[in-house]
């Protein structure tokens, strides 16, 4: 499934959420219309027509601004066909998922010597992420919203996902990761969307409990240190895979139990093994 087709699916499944976000108010009634228009039928993969109150809301999702025919001409064509078919006022909104090249001029109207037709363009990378984070139906779009630190925004999205109950969370997470792929590297996505669940995972809790039991059974300072060290090594291995011998040697030189506990907590926040090693 392409990125813009996924967005169309999101809007089809939650038209009220998208309408509220884009129009700034909850619609009294909203329904999805067919995406085939008369004359030479258009079956628009990334286009969605909604019946909102007494009018039509036309949403067009675009990963790339440039197209053939050009976007402004397409918007005029859709508007004429929608008006002829439904005889209702038409609002048109183009949602650009990613920014075009810096030199691109994004038009919000079709203009010819005899006709001027206007529509609205939403630049997702300029949108406040707060609204998108607040609604699970819009959450998949949040990683592409405005952010001083894109990675920090992605971590906010991951934290928000953790508040959604299963089985819905799994479905939303998949959609988040698909759209986030437009902005983020896969390695970062895999790290963040794994770490957010580690504290709640059975494996993580089991590792901690085994470490506590070993410490109690040893009953000595040396035993507690060794128990903490084993917990730390297990967490690191669970998170990053097999560890280099040099790192195991450095961990073996740490004798303070408090320090070992701090490092165990730091495993969850380290984006990669190299970042963790810098803490030693």
C-alpha atoms as a PDB file:
ATOM      1  CA  UNK A   1       0.000   0.000   0.000  1.00  0.00           C
ATOM      2  CA  UNK A   2       1.364   3.424  -0.946  1.00  0.00           C
ATOM      3  CA  UNK A   3       1.656   6.239   1.571  1.00  0.00           C
ATOM      4  CA  UNK A   4      -1.129   8.377   0.123  1.00  0.00           C
ATOM      5  CA  UNK A   5      -3.427   5.367  -0.260  1.00  0.00           C
ATOM      6  CA  UNK A   6      -2.915   4.586   3.410  1.00  0.00           C
ATOM      7  CA  UNK A   7      -3.927   8.148   4.262  1.00  0.00           C
ATOM      8  CA  UNK A   8      -7.080   7.725   2.220  1.00  0.00           C
ATOM      9  CA  UNK A   9      -7.850   4.555   4.177  1.00  0.00           C
ATOM     10  CA  UNK A  10      -7.320   6.382   7.480  1.00  0.00           C
ATOM     11  CA  UNK A  11      -9.756   9.110   6.455  1.00  0.00           C
ATOM     12  CA  UNK A  12     -12.311   6.609   5.183  1.00  0.00           C
ATOM     13  CA  UNK A  13     -12.282   4.808   8.516  1.00  0.00           C
ATOM     14  CA  UNK A  14     -12.438   7.988  10.639  1.00  0.00           C
ATOM     15  CA  UNK A  15     -13.965  10.751   8.480  1.00  0.00           C
ATOM     16  CA  UNK A  16     -15.212  12.733  11.498  1.00  0.00           C
ATOM     17  CA  UNK A  17     -11.687  12.934  12.970  1.00  0.00           C
ATOM     18  CA  UNK A  18     -10.214  14.230   9.719  1.00  0.00           C
ATOM     19  CA  UNK A  19     -13.054  16.682   9.191  1.00  0.00           C
ATOM     20  CA  UNK A  20     -12.698  18.070  12.718  1.00  0.00           C
ATOM     21  CA  UNK A  21      -8.931  18.480  12.291  1.00  0.00           C
ATOM     22  CA  UNK A  22      -9.113  20.160   8.883  1.00  0.00           C
ATOM     23  CA  UNK A  23     -12.207  22.309   9.342  1.00  0.00           C
ATOM     24  CA  UNK A  24     -11.687  23.139  13.019  1.00  0.00           C
ATOM     25  CA  UNK A  25     -15.077  21.901  14.212  1.00  0.00           C
ATOM     26  CA  UNK A  26     -16.881  18.622  14.676  1.00  0.00           C
ATOM     27  CA  UNK A  27     -19.256  17.922  11.766  1.00  0.00           C
ATOM     28  CA  UNK A  28     -22.949  17.336  12.567  1.00  0.00           C
ATOM     29  CA  UNK A  29     -22.943  14.515  10.034  1.00  0.00           C
ATOM     30  CA  UNK A  30     -20.286  13.087   7.747  1.00  0.00           C
ATOM     31  CA  UNK A  31     -20.297  10.198   5.281  1.00  0.00           C
ATOM     32  CA  UNK A  32     -17.967   8.840   2.604  1.00  0.00           C
ATOM     33  CA  UNK A  33     -18.952   9.270  -1.038  1.00  0.00           C
ATOM     34  CA  UNK A  34     -17.818   7.119  -3.935  1.00  0.00           C
ATOM     35  CA  UNK A  35     -14.621   8.221  -5.684  1.00  0.00           C
ATOM     36  CA  UNK A  36     -15.910   7.731  -9.216  1.00  0.00           C
ATOM     37  CA  UNK A  37     -17.120  10.802 -11.084  1.00  0.00           C
ATOM     38  CA  UNK A  38     -19.151  10.976 -14.266  1.00  0.00           C
ATOM     39  CA  UNK A  39     -17.918  11.653 -17.790  1.00  0.00           C
ATOM     40  CA  UNK A  40     -14.579   9.848 -18.110  1.00  0.00           C
ATOM     41  CA  UNK A  41     -14.761   8.047 -14.759  1.00  0.00           C
ATOM     42  CA  UNK A  42     -11.976   8.788 -12.305  1.00  0.00           C
ATOM     43  CA  UNK A  43     -11.204   6.138  -9.729  1.00  0.00           C
ATOM     44  CA  UNK A  44      -8.947   8.158  -7.487  1.00  0.00           C
ATOM     45  CA  UNK A  45      -6.702   6.071  -5.242  1.00  0.00           C
ATOM     46  CA  UNK A  46      -5.607   8.891  -2.946  1.00  0.00           C
ATOM     47  CA  UNK A  47      -8.749  11.054  -3.205  1.00  0.00           C
ATOM     48  CA  UNK A  48     -11.612  11.013  -0.757  1.00  0.00           C
ATOM     49  CA  UNK A  49     -14.963  12.757  -1.053  1.00  0.00           C
ATOM     50  CA  UNK A  50     -16.927  13.341   2.144  1.00  0.00           C
ATOM     51  CA  UNK A  51     -20.467  14.564   2.559  1.00  0.00           C
ATOM     52  CA  UNK A  52     -20.245  17.078   5.390  1.00  0.00           C
ATOM     53  CA  UNK A  53     -23.432  18.799   6.469  1.00  0.00           C
ATOM     54  CA  UNK A  54     -24.736  20.567   3.361  1.00  0.00           C
ATOM     55  CA  UNK A  55     -21.595  20.306   1.258  1.00  0.00           C
ATOM     56  CA  UNK A  56     -18.777  18.153  -0.099  1.00  0.00           C
ATOM     57  CA  UNK A  57     -15.275  17.952   1.350  1.00  0.00           C
ATOM     58  CA  UNK A  58     -12.706  16.748  -1.156  1.00  0.00           C
ATOM     59  CA  UNK A  59      -9.436  15.500   0.383  1.00  0.00           C
ATOM     60  CA  UNK A  60      -6.415  14.742  -1.778  1.00  0.00           C
ATOM     61  CA  UNK A  61      -3.328  13.139  -0.195  1.00  0.00           C
ATOM     62  CA  UNK A  62      -0.011  13.666  -1.980  1.00  0.00           C
ATOM     63  CA  UNK A  63       3.470  12.375  -1.233  1.00  0.00           C
ATOM     64  CA  UNK A  64       4.876  14.401  -4.145  1.00  0.00           C
ATOM     65  CA  UNK A  65       3.664  17.790  -5.290  1.00  0.00           C
ATOM     66  CA  UNK A  66       4.592  17.430  -8.956  1.00  0.00           C
ATOM     67  CA  UNK A  67       2.153  15.380 -11.029  1.00  0.00           C
ATOM     68  CA  UNK A  68       0.647  15.015 -14.467  1.00  0.00           C
ATOM     69  CA  UNK A  69      -1.812  16.562 -15.057  1.00  0.00           C
ATOM     70  CA  UNK A  70      -0.657  19.320 -12.687  1.00  0.00           C
ATOM     71  CA  UNK A  71      -2.319  19.421  -9.281  1.00  0.00           C
ATOM     72  CA  UNK A  72      -4.070  22.816  -9.758  1.00  0.00           C
ATOM     73  CA  UNK A  73      -5.721  21.606 -12.975  1.00  0.00           C
ATOM     74  CA  UNK A  74      -6.822  18.374 -11.310  1.00  0.00           C
ATOM     75  CA  UNK A  75      -8.409  20.308  -8.461  1.00  0.00           C
ATOM     76  CA  UNK A  76     -10.398  22.429 -10.917  1.00  0.00           C
ATOM     77  CA  UNK A  77     -11.497  19.297 -12.781  1.00  0.00           C
ATOM     78  CA  UNK A  78     -12.622  17.569  -9.582  1.00  0.00           C
ATOM     79  CA  UNK A  79     -14.505  20.654  -8.417  1.00  0.00           C
ATOM     80  CA  UNK A  80     -16.468  20.945 -11.660  1.00  0.00           C
ATOM     81  CA  UNK A  81     -17.365  17.256 -11.666  1.00  0.00           C
ATOM     82  CA  UNK A  82     -18.360  17.241  -8.008  1.00  0.00           C
ATOM     83  CA  UNK A  83     -20.532  20.321  -8.450  1.00  0.00           C
ATOM     84  CA  UNK A  84     -22.228  18.872 -11.516  1.00  0.00           C
ATOM     85  CA  UNK A  85     -22.859  15.534  -9.771  1.00  0.00           C
ATOM     86  CA  UNK A  86     -24.040  16.718  -6.338  1.00  0.00           C
ATOM     87  CA  UNK A  87     -25.014  20.385  -6.866  1.00  0.00           C
ATOM     88  CA  UNK A  88     -23.563  21.249  -3.450  1.00  0.00           C
ATOM     89  CA  UNK A  89     -20.786  23.606  -2.250  1.00  0.00           C
ATOM     90  CA  UNK A  90     -17.357  21.968  -2.537  1.00  0.00           C
ATOM     91  CA  UNK A  91     -14.380  22.496  -0.236  1.00  0.00           C
ATOM     92  CA  UNK A  92     -11.068  21.090  -1.442  1.00  0.00           C
ATOM     93  CA  UNK A  93      -8.009  20.368   0.687  1.00  0.00           C
ATOM     94  CA  UNK A  94      -4.706  18.971  -0.557  1.00  0.00           C
ATOM     95  CA  UNK A  95      -2.645  17.334   2.203  1.00  0.00           C
ATOM     96  CA  UNK A  96       1.046  17.232   1.291  1.00  0.00           C
ATOM     97  CA  UNK A  97       2.804  14.569   3.351  1.00  0.00           C
ATOM     98  CA  UNK A  98       6.385  15.637   2.599  1.00  0.00           C
ATOM     99  CA  UNK A  99       7.943  18.941   1.525  1.00  0.00           C
ATOM    100  CA  UNK A 100       8.886  19.350  -2.146  1.00  0.00           C
ATOM    101  CA  UNK A 101      12.294  20.741  -3.177  1.00  0.00           C
ATOM    102  CA  UNK A 102      12.964  24.157  -1.652  1.00  0.00           C
ATOM    103  CA  UNK A 103      12.638  25.900  -5.006  1.00  0.00           C
ATOM    104  CA  UNK A 104       9.128  24.548  -5.635  1.00  0.00           C
ATOM    105  CA  UNK A 105       6.283  27.042  -5.539  1.00  0.00           C
ATOM    106  CA  UNK A 106       3.215  25.371  -4.072  1.00  0.00           C
ATOM    107  CA  UNK A 107       0.134  26.760  -5.801  1.00  0.00           C
ATOM    108  CA  UNK A 108      -3.192  27.075  -4.000  1.00  0.00           C
ATOM    109  CA  UNK A 109      -5.184  28.058  -7.081  1.00  0.00           C
ATOM    110  CA  UNK A 110      -5.603  27.237 -10.734  1.00  0.00           C
ATOM    111  CA  UNK A 111      -5.362  30.428 -12.808  1.00  0.00           C
ATOM    112  CA  UNK A 112      -5.967  31.028 -16.482  1.00  0.00           C
ATOM    113  CA  UNK A 113      -6.935  34.190 -18.405  1.00  0.00           C
ATOM    114  CA  UNK A 114     -10.617  33.399 -17.813  1.00  0.00           C
ATOM    115  CA  UNK A 115     -10.745  31.268 -14.648  1.00  0.00           C
ATOM    116  CA  UNK A 116      -9.395  31.332 -11.121  1.00  0.00           C
ATOM    117  CA  UNK A 117     -10.137  28.331  -8.925  1.00  0.00           C
ATOM    118  CA  UNK A 118      -8.895  28.184  -5.326  1.00  0.00           C
ATOM    119  CA  UNK A 119      -8.318  25.332  -2.921  1.00  0.00           C
ATOM    120  CA  UNK A 120      -6.477  24.865   0.355  1.00  0.00           C
ATOM    121  CA  UNK A 121      -3.109  23.172   0.866  1.00  0.00           C
ATOM    122  CA  UNK A 122      -2.120  21.621   4.187  1.00  0.00           C
ATOM    123  CA  UNK A 123       1.643  21.252   4.537  1.00  0.00           C
ATOM    124  CA  UNK A 124       1.828  18.435   7.050  1.00  0.00           C
ATOM    125  CA  UNK A 125       5.407  19.306   8.066  1.00  0.00           C
ATOM    126  CA  UNK A 126       4.083  22.685   9.282  1.00  0.00           C
ATOM    127  CA  UNK A 127       1.133  21.303  11.253  1.00  0.00           C
ATOM    128  CA  UNK A 128       1.037  21.376  15.065  1.00  0.00           C
ATOM    129  CA  UNK A 129       1.457  17.728  16.154  1.00  0.00           C
ATOM    130  CA  UNK A 130      -0.689  18.212  19.288  1.00  0.00           C
ATOM    131  CA  UNK A 131      -3.989  17.671  17.462  1.00  0.00           C
ATOM    132  CA  UNK A 132      -2.665  14.609  15.658  1.00  0.00           C
ATOM    133  CA  UNK A 133      -1.276  13.132  18.876  1.00  0.00           C
ATOM    134  CA  UNK A 134      -4.599  13.545  20.649  1.00  0.00           C
ATOM    135  CA  UNK A 135      -6.622  11.332  18.294  1.00  0.00           C
ATOM    136  CA  UNK A 136      -5.617   7.708  17.532  1.00  0.00           C
ATOM    137  CA  UNK A 137      -7.218   8.045  14.086  1.00  0.00           C
ATOM    138  CA  UNK A 138      -4.834  10.893  13.238  1.00  0.00           C
ATOM    139  CA  UNK A 139      -1.804   9.549  15.116  1.00  0.00           C
ATOM    140  CA  UNK A 140      -0.204   7.899  12.038  1.00  0.00           C
ATOM    141  CA  UNK A 141       0.234  11.388  10.557  1.00  0.00           C
ATOM    142  CA  UNK A 142       1.921  12.824  13.667  1.00  0.00           C
ATOM    143  CA  UNK A 143       5.517  11.725  12.834  1.00  0.00           C
ATOM    144  CA  UNK A 144       5.358  13.967   9.744  1.00  0.00           C
ATOM    145  CA  UNK A 145       4.182  17.079  11.637  1.00  0.00           C
ATOM    146  CA  UNK A 146       6.166  20.140  12.729  1.00  0.00           C
ATOM    147  CA  UNK A 147       9.069  19.413  15.064  1.00  0.00           C
ATOM    148  CA  UNK A 148      12.253  21.122  16.231  1.00  0.00           C
ATOM    149  CA  UNK A 149      13.599  17.635  16.849  1.00  0.00           C
ATOM    150  CA  UNK A 150      11.966  15.013  14.586  1.00  0.00           C
ATOM    151  CA  UNK A 151      13.366  12.210  16.748  1.00  0.00           C
ATOM    152  CA  UNK A 152      11.852  13.753  19.880  1.00  0.00           C
ATOM    153  CA  UNK A 153       8.502  13.936  18.093  1.00  0.00           C
ATOM    154  CA  UNK A 154       8.801  10.282  17.164  1.00  0.00           C
ATOM    155  CA  UNK A 155       9.367   9.412  20.810  1.00  0.00           C
ATOM    156  CA  UNK A 156       6.207  11.356  21.751  1.00  0.00           C
ATOM    157  CA  UNK A 157       4.319   9.302  19.179  1.00  0.00           C
ATOM    158  CA  UNK A 158       5.720   6.085  20.664  1.00  0.00           C
ATOM    159  CA  UNK A 159       4.661   7.179  24.157  1.00  0.00           C
ATOM    160  CA  UNK A 160       1.170   7.953  22.866  1.00  0.00           C
ATOM    161  CA  UNK A 161       0.961   4.521  21.266  1.00  0.00           C
ATOM    162  CA  UNK A 162       1.624   2.952  24.656  1.00  0.00           C
ATOM    163  CA  UNK A 163      -1.635   4.482  25.948  1.00  0.00           C
ATOM    164  CA  UNK A 164      -3.739   2.701  23.310  1.00  0.00           C
ATOM    165  CA  UNK A 165      -5.145  -0.666  24.336  1.00  0.00           C
ATOM    166  CA  UNK A 166      -4.575  -3.816  22.341  1.00  0.00           C
ATOM    167  CA  UNK A 167      -5.516  -5.026  19.768  1.00  0.00           C
ATOM    168  CA  UNK A 168      -6.028  -1.519  18.378  1.00  0.00           C
ATOM    169  CA  UNK A 169      -2.495  -0.434  19.336  1.00  0.00           C
ATOM    170  CA  UNK A 170      -0.862  -2.968  17.043  1.00  0.00           C
ATOM    171  CA  UNK A 171      -2.847  -1.768  14.033  1.00  0.00           C
ATOM    172  CA  UNK A 172      -2.126   1.904  14.747  1.00  0.00           C
ATOM    173  CA  UNK A 173       1.570   1.164  15.316  1.00  0.00           C
ATOM    174  CA  UNK A 174       1.891  -0.468  11.900  1.00  0.00           C
ATOM    175  CA  UNK A 175       0.303   2.566  10.254  1.00  0.00           C
ATOM    176  CA  UNK A 176       2.509   4.945  12.222  1.00  0.00           C
ATOM    177  CA  UNK A 177       5.648   3.109  11.122  1.00  0.00           C
ATOM    178  CA  UNK A 178       4.575   3.058   7.458  1.00  0.00           C
ATOM    179  CA  UNK A 179       4.041   6.816   7.285  1.00  0.00           C
ATOM    180  CA  UNK A 180       7.006   7.601   9.547  1.00  0.00           C
ATOM    181  CA  UNK A 181       9.138   5.857   6.932  1.00  0.00           C
ATOM    182  CA  UNK A 182       8.777   8.986   4.813  1.00  0.00           C
ATOM    183  CA  UNK A 183      10.950  10.896   7.302  1.00  0.00           C
ATOM    184  CA  UNK A 184      12.914   8.436   9.469  1.00  0.00           C
ATOM    185  CA  UNK A 185      15.449   5.669   8.976  1.00  0.00           C
ATOM    186  CA  UNK A 186      14.197   2.142   9.594  1.00  0.00           C
ATOM    187  CA  UNK A 187      16.777   1.447  12.332  1.00  0.00           C
ATOM    188  CA  UNK A 188      15.510   4.403  14.364  1.00  0.00           C
ATOM    189  CA  UNK A 189      11.894   3.343  13.910  1.00  0.00           C
ATOM    190  CA  UNK A 190      12.666  -0.179  15.097  1.00  0.00           C
ATOM    191  CA  UNK A 191      14.568   1.060  18.146  1.00  0.00           C
ATOM    192  CA  UNK A 192      11.966   3.572  19.300  1.00  0.00           C
ATOM    193  CA  UNK A 193       8.908   1.434  18.764  1.00  0.00           C
ATOM    194  CA  UNK A 194      10.578  -1.432  20.596  1.00  0.00           C
ATOM    195  CA  UNK A 195      11.964   0.487  23.561  1.00  0.00           C
ATOM    196  CA  UNK A 196       8.591   2.030  24.387  1.00  0.00           C
ATOM    197  CA  UNK A 197       7.280  -1.411  25.271  1.00  0.00           C
ATOM    198  CA  UNK A 198      10.338  -2.866  26.981  1.00  0.00           C
ATOM    199  CA  UNK A 199       9.384  -1.841  30.513  1.00  0.00           C
ATOM    200  CA  UNK A 200       6.036  -3.579  30.110  1.00  0.00           C
ATOM    201  CA  UNK A 201       7.393  -6.629  28.288  1.00  0.00           C
ATOM    202  CA  UNK A 202       7.407 -10.062  29.923  1.00  0.00           C
ATOM    203  CA  UNK A 203      11.058 -10.598  28.958  1.00  0.00           C
ATOM    204  CA  UNK A 204      12.207  -7.361  30.570  1.00  0.00           C
ATOM    205  CA  UNK A 205      10.291  -8.015  33.781  1.00  0.00           C
ATOM    206  CA  UNK A 206      11.607 -11.569  33.913  1.00  0.00           C
ATOM    207  CA  UNK A 207      15.218 -10.387  33.570  1.00  0.00           C
ATOM    208  CA  UNK A 208      14.784  -7.897  36.419  1.00  0.00           C
ATOM    209  CA  UNK A 209      13.110 -10.432  38.685  1.00  0.00           C
ATOM    210  CA  UNK A 210      15.825 -13.021  38.072  1.00  0.00           C
ATOM    211  CA  UNK A 211      18.437 -10.441  38.997  1.00  0.00           C
ATOM    212  CA  UNK A 212      16.616  -9.593  42.231  1.00  0.00           C
ATOM    213  CA  UNK A 213      16.327 -13.262  43.171  1.00  0.00           C
ATOM    214  CA  UNK A 214      19.998 -13.910  42.472  1.00  0.00           C
ATOM    215  CA  UNK A 215      20.977 -10.953  44.623  1.00  0.00           C
ATOM    216  CA  UNK A 216      18.815 -12.155  47.506  1.00  0.00           C
ATOM    217  CA  UNK A 217      20.137 -15.687  47.243  1.00  0.00           C
ATOM    218  CA  UNK A 218      23.760 -14.569  47.208  1.00  0.00           C
ATOM    219  CA  UNK A 219      23.190 -12.350  50.245  1.00  0.00           C
ATOM    220  CA  UNK A 220      26.629 -10.819  49.987  1.00  0.00           C
ATOM    221  CA  UNK A 221      27.886  -7.559  48.508  1.00  0.00           C
ATOM    222  CA  UNK A 222      29.893  -9.434  45.892  1.00  0.00           C
ATOM    223  CA  UNK A 223      26.826 -11.509  45.044  1.00  0.00           C
ATOM    224  CA  UNK A 224      24.608  -8.453  44.624  1.00  0.00           C
ATOM    225  CA  UNK A 225      27.176  -6.873  42.344  1.00  0.00           C
ATOM    226  CA  UNK A 226      27.406  -9.966  40.202  1.00  0.00           C
ATOM    227  CA  UNK A 227      23.607 -10.258  40.077  1.00  0.00           C
ATOM    228  CA  UNK A 228      23.285  -6.651  38.904  1.00  0.00           C
ATOM    229  CA  UNK A 229      26.005  -7.202  36.324  1.00  0.00           C
ATOM    230  CA  UNK A 230      24.223 -10.254  34.917  1.00  0.00           C
ATOM    231  CA  UNK A 231      20.976  -8.279  34.722  1.00  0.00           C
ATOM    232  CA  UNK A 232      22.773  -5.510  32.836  1.00  0.00           C
ATOM    233  CA  UNK A 233      24.365  -7.939  30.365  1.00  0.00           C
ATOM    234  CA  UNK A 234      21.018  -9.657  29.740  1.00  0.00           C
ATOM    235  CA  UNK A 235      19.257  -6.351  29.116  1.00  0.00           C
ATOM    236  CA  UNK A 236      21.980  -5.218  26.727  1.00  0.00           C
ATOM    237  CA  UNK A 237      21.890  -8.523  24.861  1.00  0.00           C
ATOM    238  CA  UNK A 238      18.085  -8.444  24.687  1.00  0.00           C
ATOM    239  CA  UNK A 239      18.204  -4.908  23.305  1.00  0.00           C
ATOM    240  CA  UNK A 240      21.257  -4.898  21.032  1.00  0.00           C
ATOM    241  CA  UNK A 241      22.217  -8.533  20.418  1.00  0.00           C
ATOM    242  CA  UNK A 242      25.608 -10.189  21.134  1.00  0.00           C
ATOM    243  CA  UNK A 243      28.031  -7.897  22.969  1.00  0.00           C
ATOM    244  CA  UNK A 244      31.706  -7.344  22.079  1.00  0.00           C
ATOM    245  CA  UNK A 245      34.277  -8.792  24.474  1.00  0.00           C
ATOM    246  CA  UNK A 246      35.763  -5.349  25.140  1.00  0.00           C
ATOM    247  CA  UNK A 247      32.430  -4.128  26.480  1.00  0.00           C
ATOM    248  CA  UNK A 248      31.990  -7.204  28.690  1.00  0.00           C
ATOM    249  CA  UNK A 249      35.453  -6.587  30.134  1.00  0.00           C
ATOM    250  CA  UNK A 250      34.605  -2.961  30.954  1.00  0.00           C
ATOM    251  CA  UNK A 251      31.352  -4.018  32.619  1.00  0.00           C
ATOM    252  CA  UNK A 252      33.274  -6.553  34.698  1.00  0.00           C
ATOM    253  CA  UNK A 253      35.394  -3.727  36.115  1.00  0.00           C
ATOM    254  CA  UNK A 254      32.386  -1.922  37.611  1.00  0.00           C
ATOM    255  CA  UNK A 255      31.930  -2.846  41.282  1.00  0.00           C
ATOM    256  CA  UNK A 256      29.347  -0.336  42.590  1.00  0.00           C
ATOM    257  CA  UNK A 257      25.831  -1.815  42.676  1.00  0.00           C
ATOM    258  CA  UNK A 258      24.224   1.639  42.374  1.00  0.00           C
ATOM    259  CA  UNK A 259      26.222   2.294  39.218  1.00  0.00           C
ATOM    260  CA  UNK A 260      25.183  -1.045  37.741  1.00  0.00           C
ATOM    261  CA  UNK A 261      21.528  -0.266  38.476  1.00  0.00           C
ATOM    262  CA  UNK A 262      21.833   3.137  36.805  1.00  0.00           C
ATOM    263  CA  UNK A 263      23.340   1.560  33.717  1.00  0.00           C
ATOM    264  CA  UNK A 264      20.539  -1.023  33.586  1.00  0.00           C
ATOM    265  CA  UNK A 265      17.987   1.799  33.457  1.00  0.00           C
ATOM    266  CA  UNK A 266      20.051   3.600  30.816  1.00  0.00           C
ATOM    267  CA  UNK A 267      19.767   0.621  28.475  1.00  0.00           C
ATOM    268  CA  UNK A 268      16.153   1.593  27.743  1.00  0.00           C
ATOM    269  CA  UNK A 269      17.026   5.145  26.723  1.00  0.00           C
ATOM    270  CA  UNK A 270      20.170   4.497  24.680  1.00  0.00           C
ATOM    271  CA  UNK A 271      19.363   4.706  20.936  1.00  0.00           C
ATOM    272  CA  UNK A 272      22.226   2.330  20.080  1.00  0.00           C
ATOM    273  CA  UNK A 273      25.046   0.369  21.694  1.00  0.00           C
ATOM    274  CA  UNK A 274      27.634   3.031  20.886  1.00  0.00           C
ATOM    275  CA  UNK A 275      25.601   5.624  22.811  1.00  0.00           C
ATOM    276  CA  UNK A 276      25.417   3.287  25.797  1.00  0.00           C
ATOM    277  CA  UNK A 277      29.188   2.704  25.740  1.00  0.00           C
ATOM    278  CA  UNK A 278      29.744   6.459  26.020  1.00  0.00           C
ATOM    279  CA  UNK A 279      28.070   6.308  29.446  1.00  0.00           C
ATOM    280  CA  UNK A 280      30.765   3.999  30.823  1.00  0.00           C
END
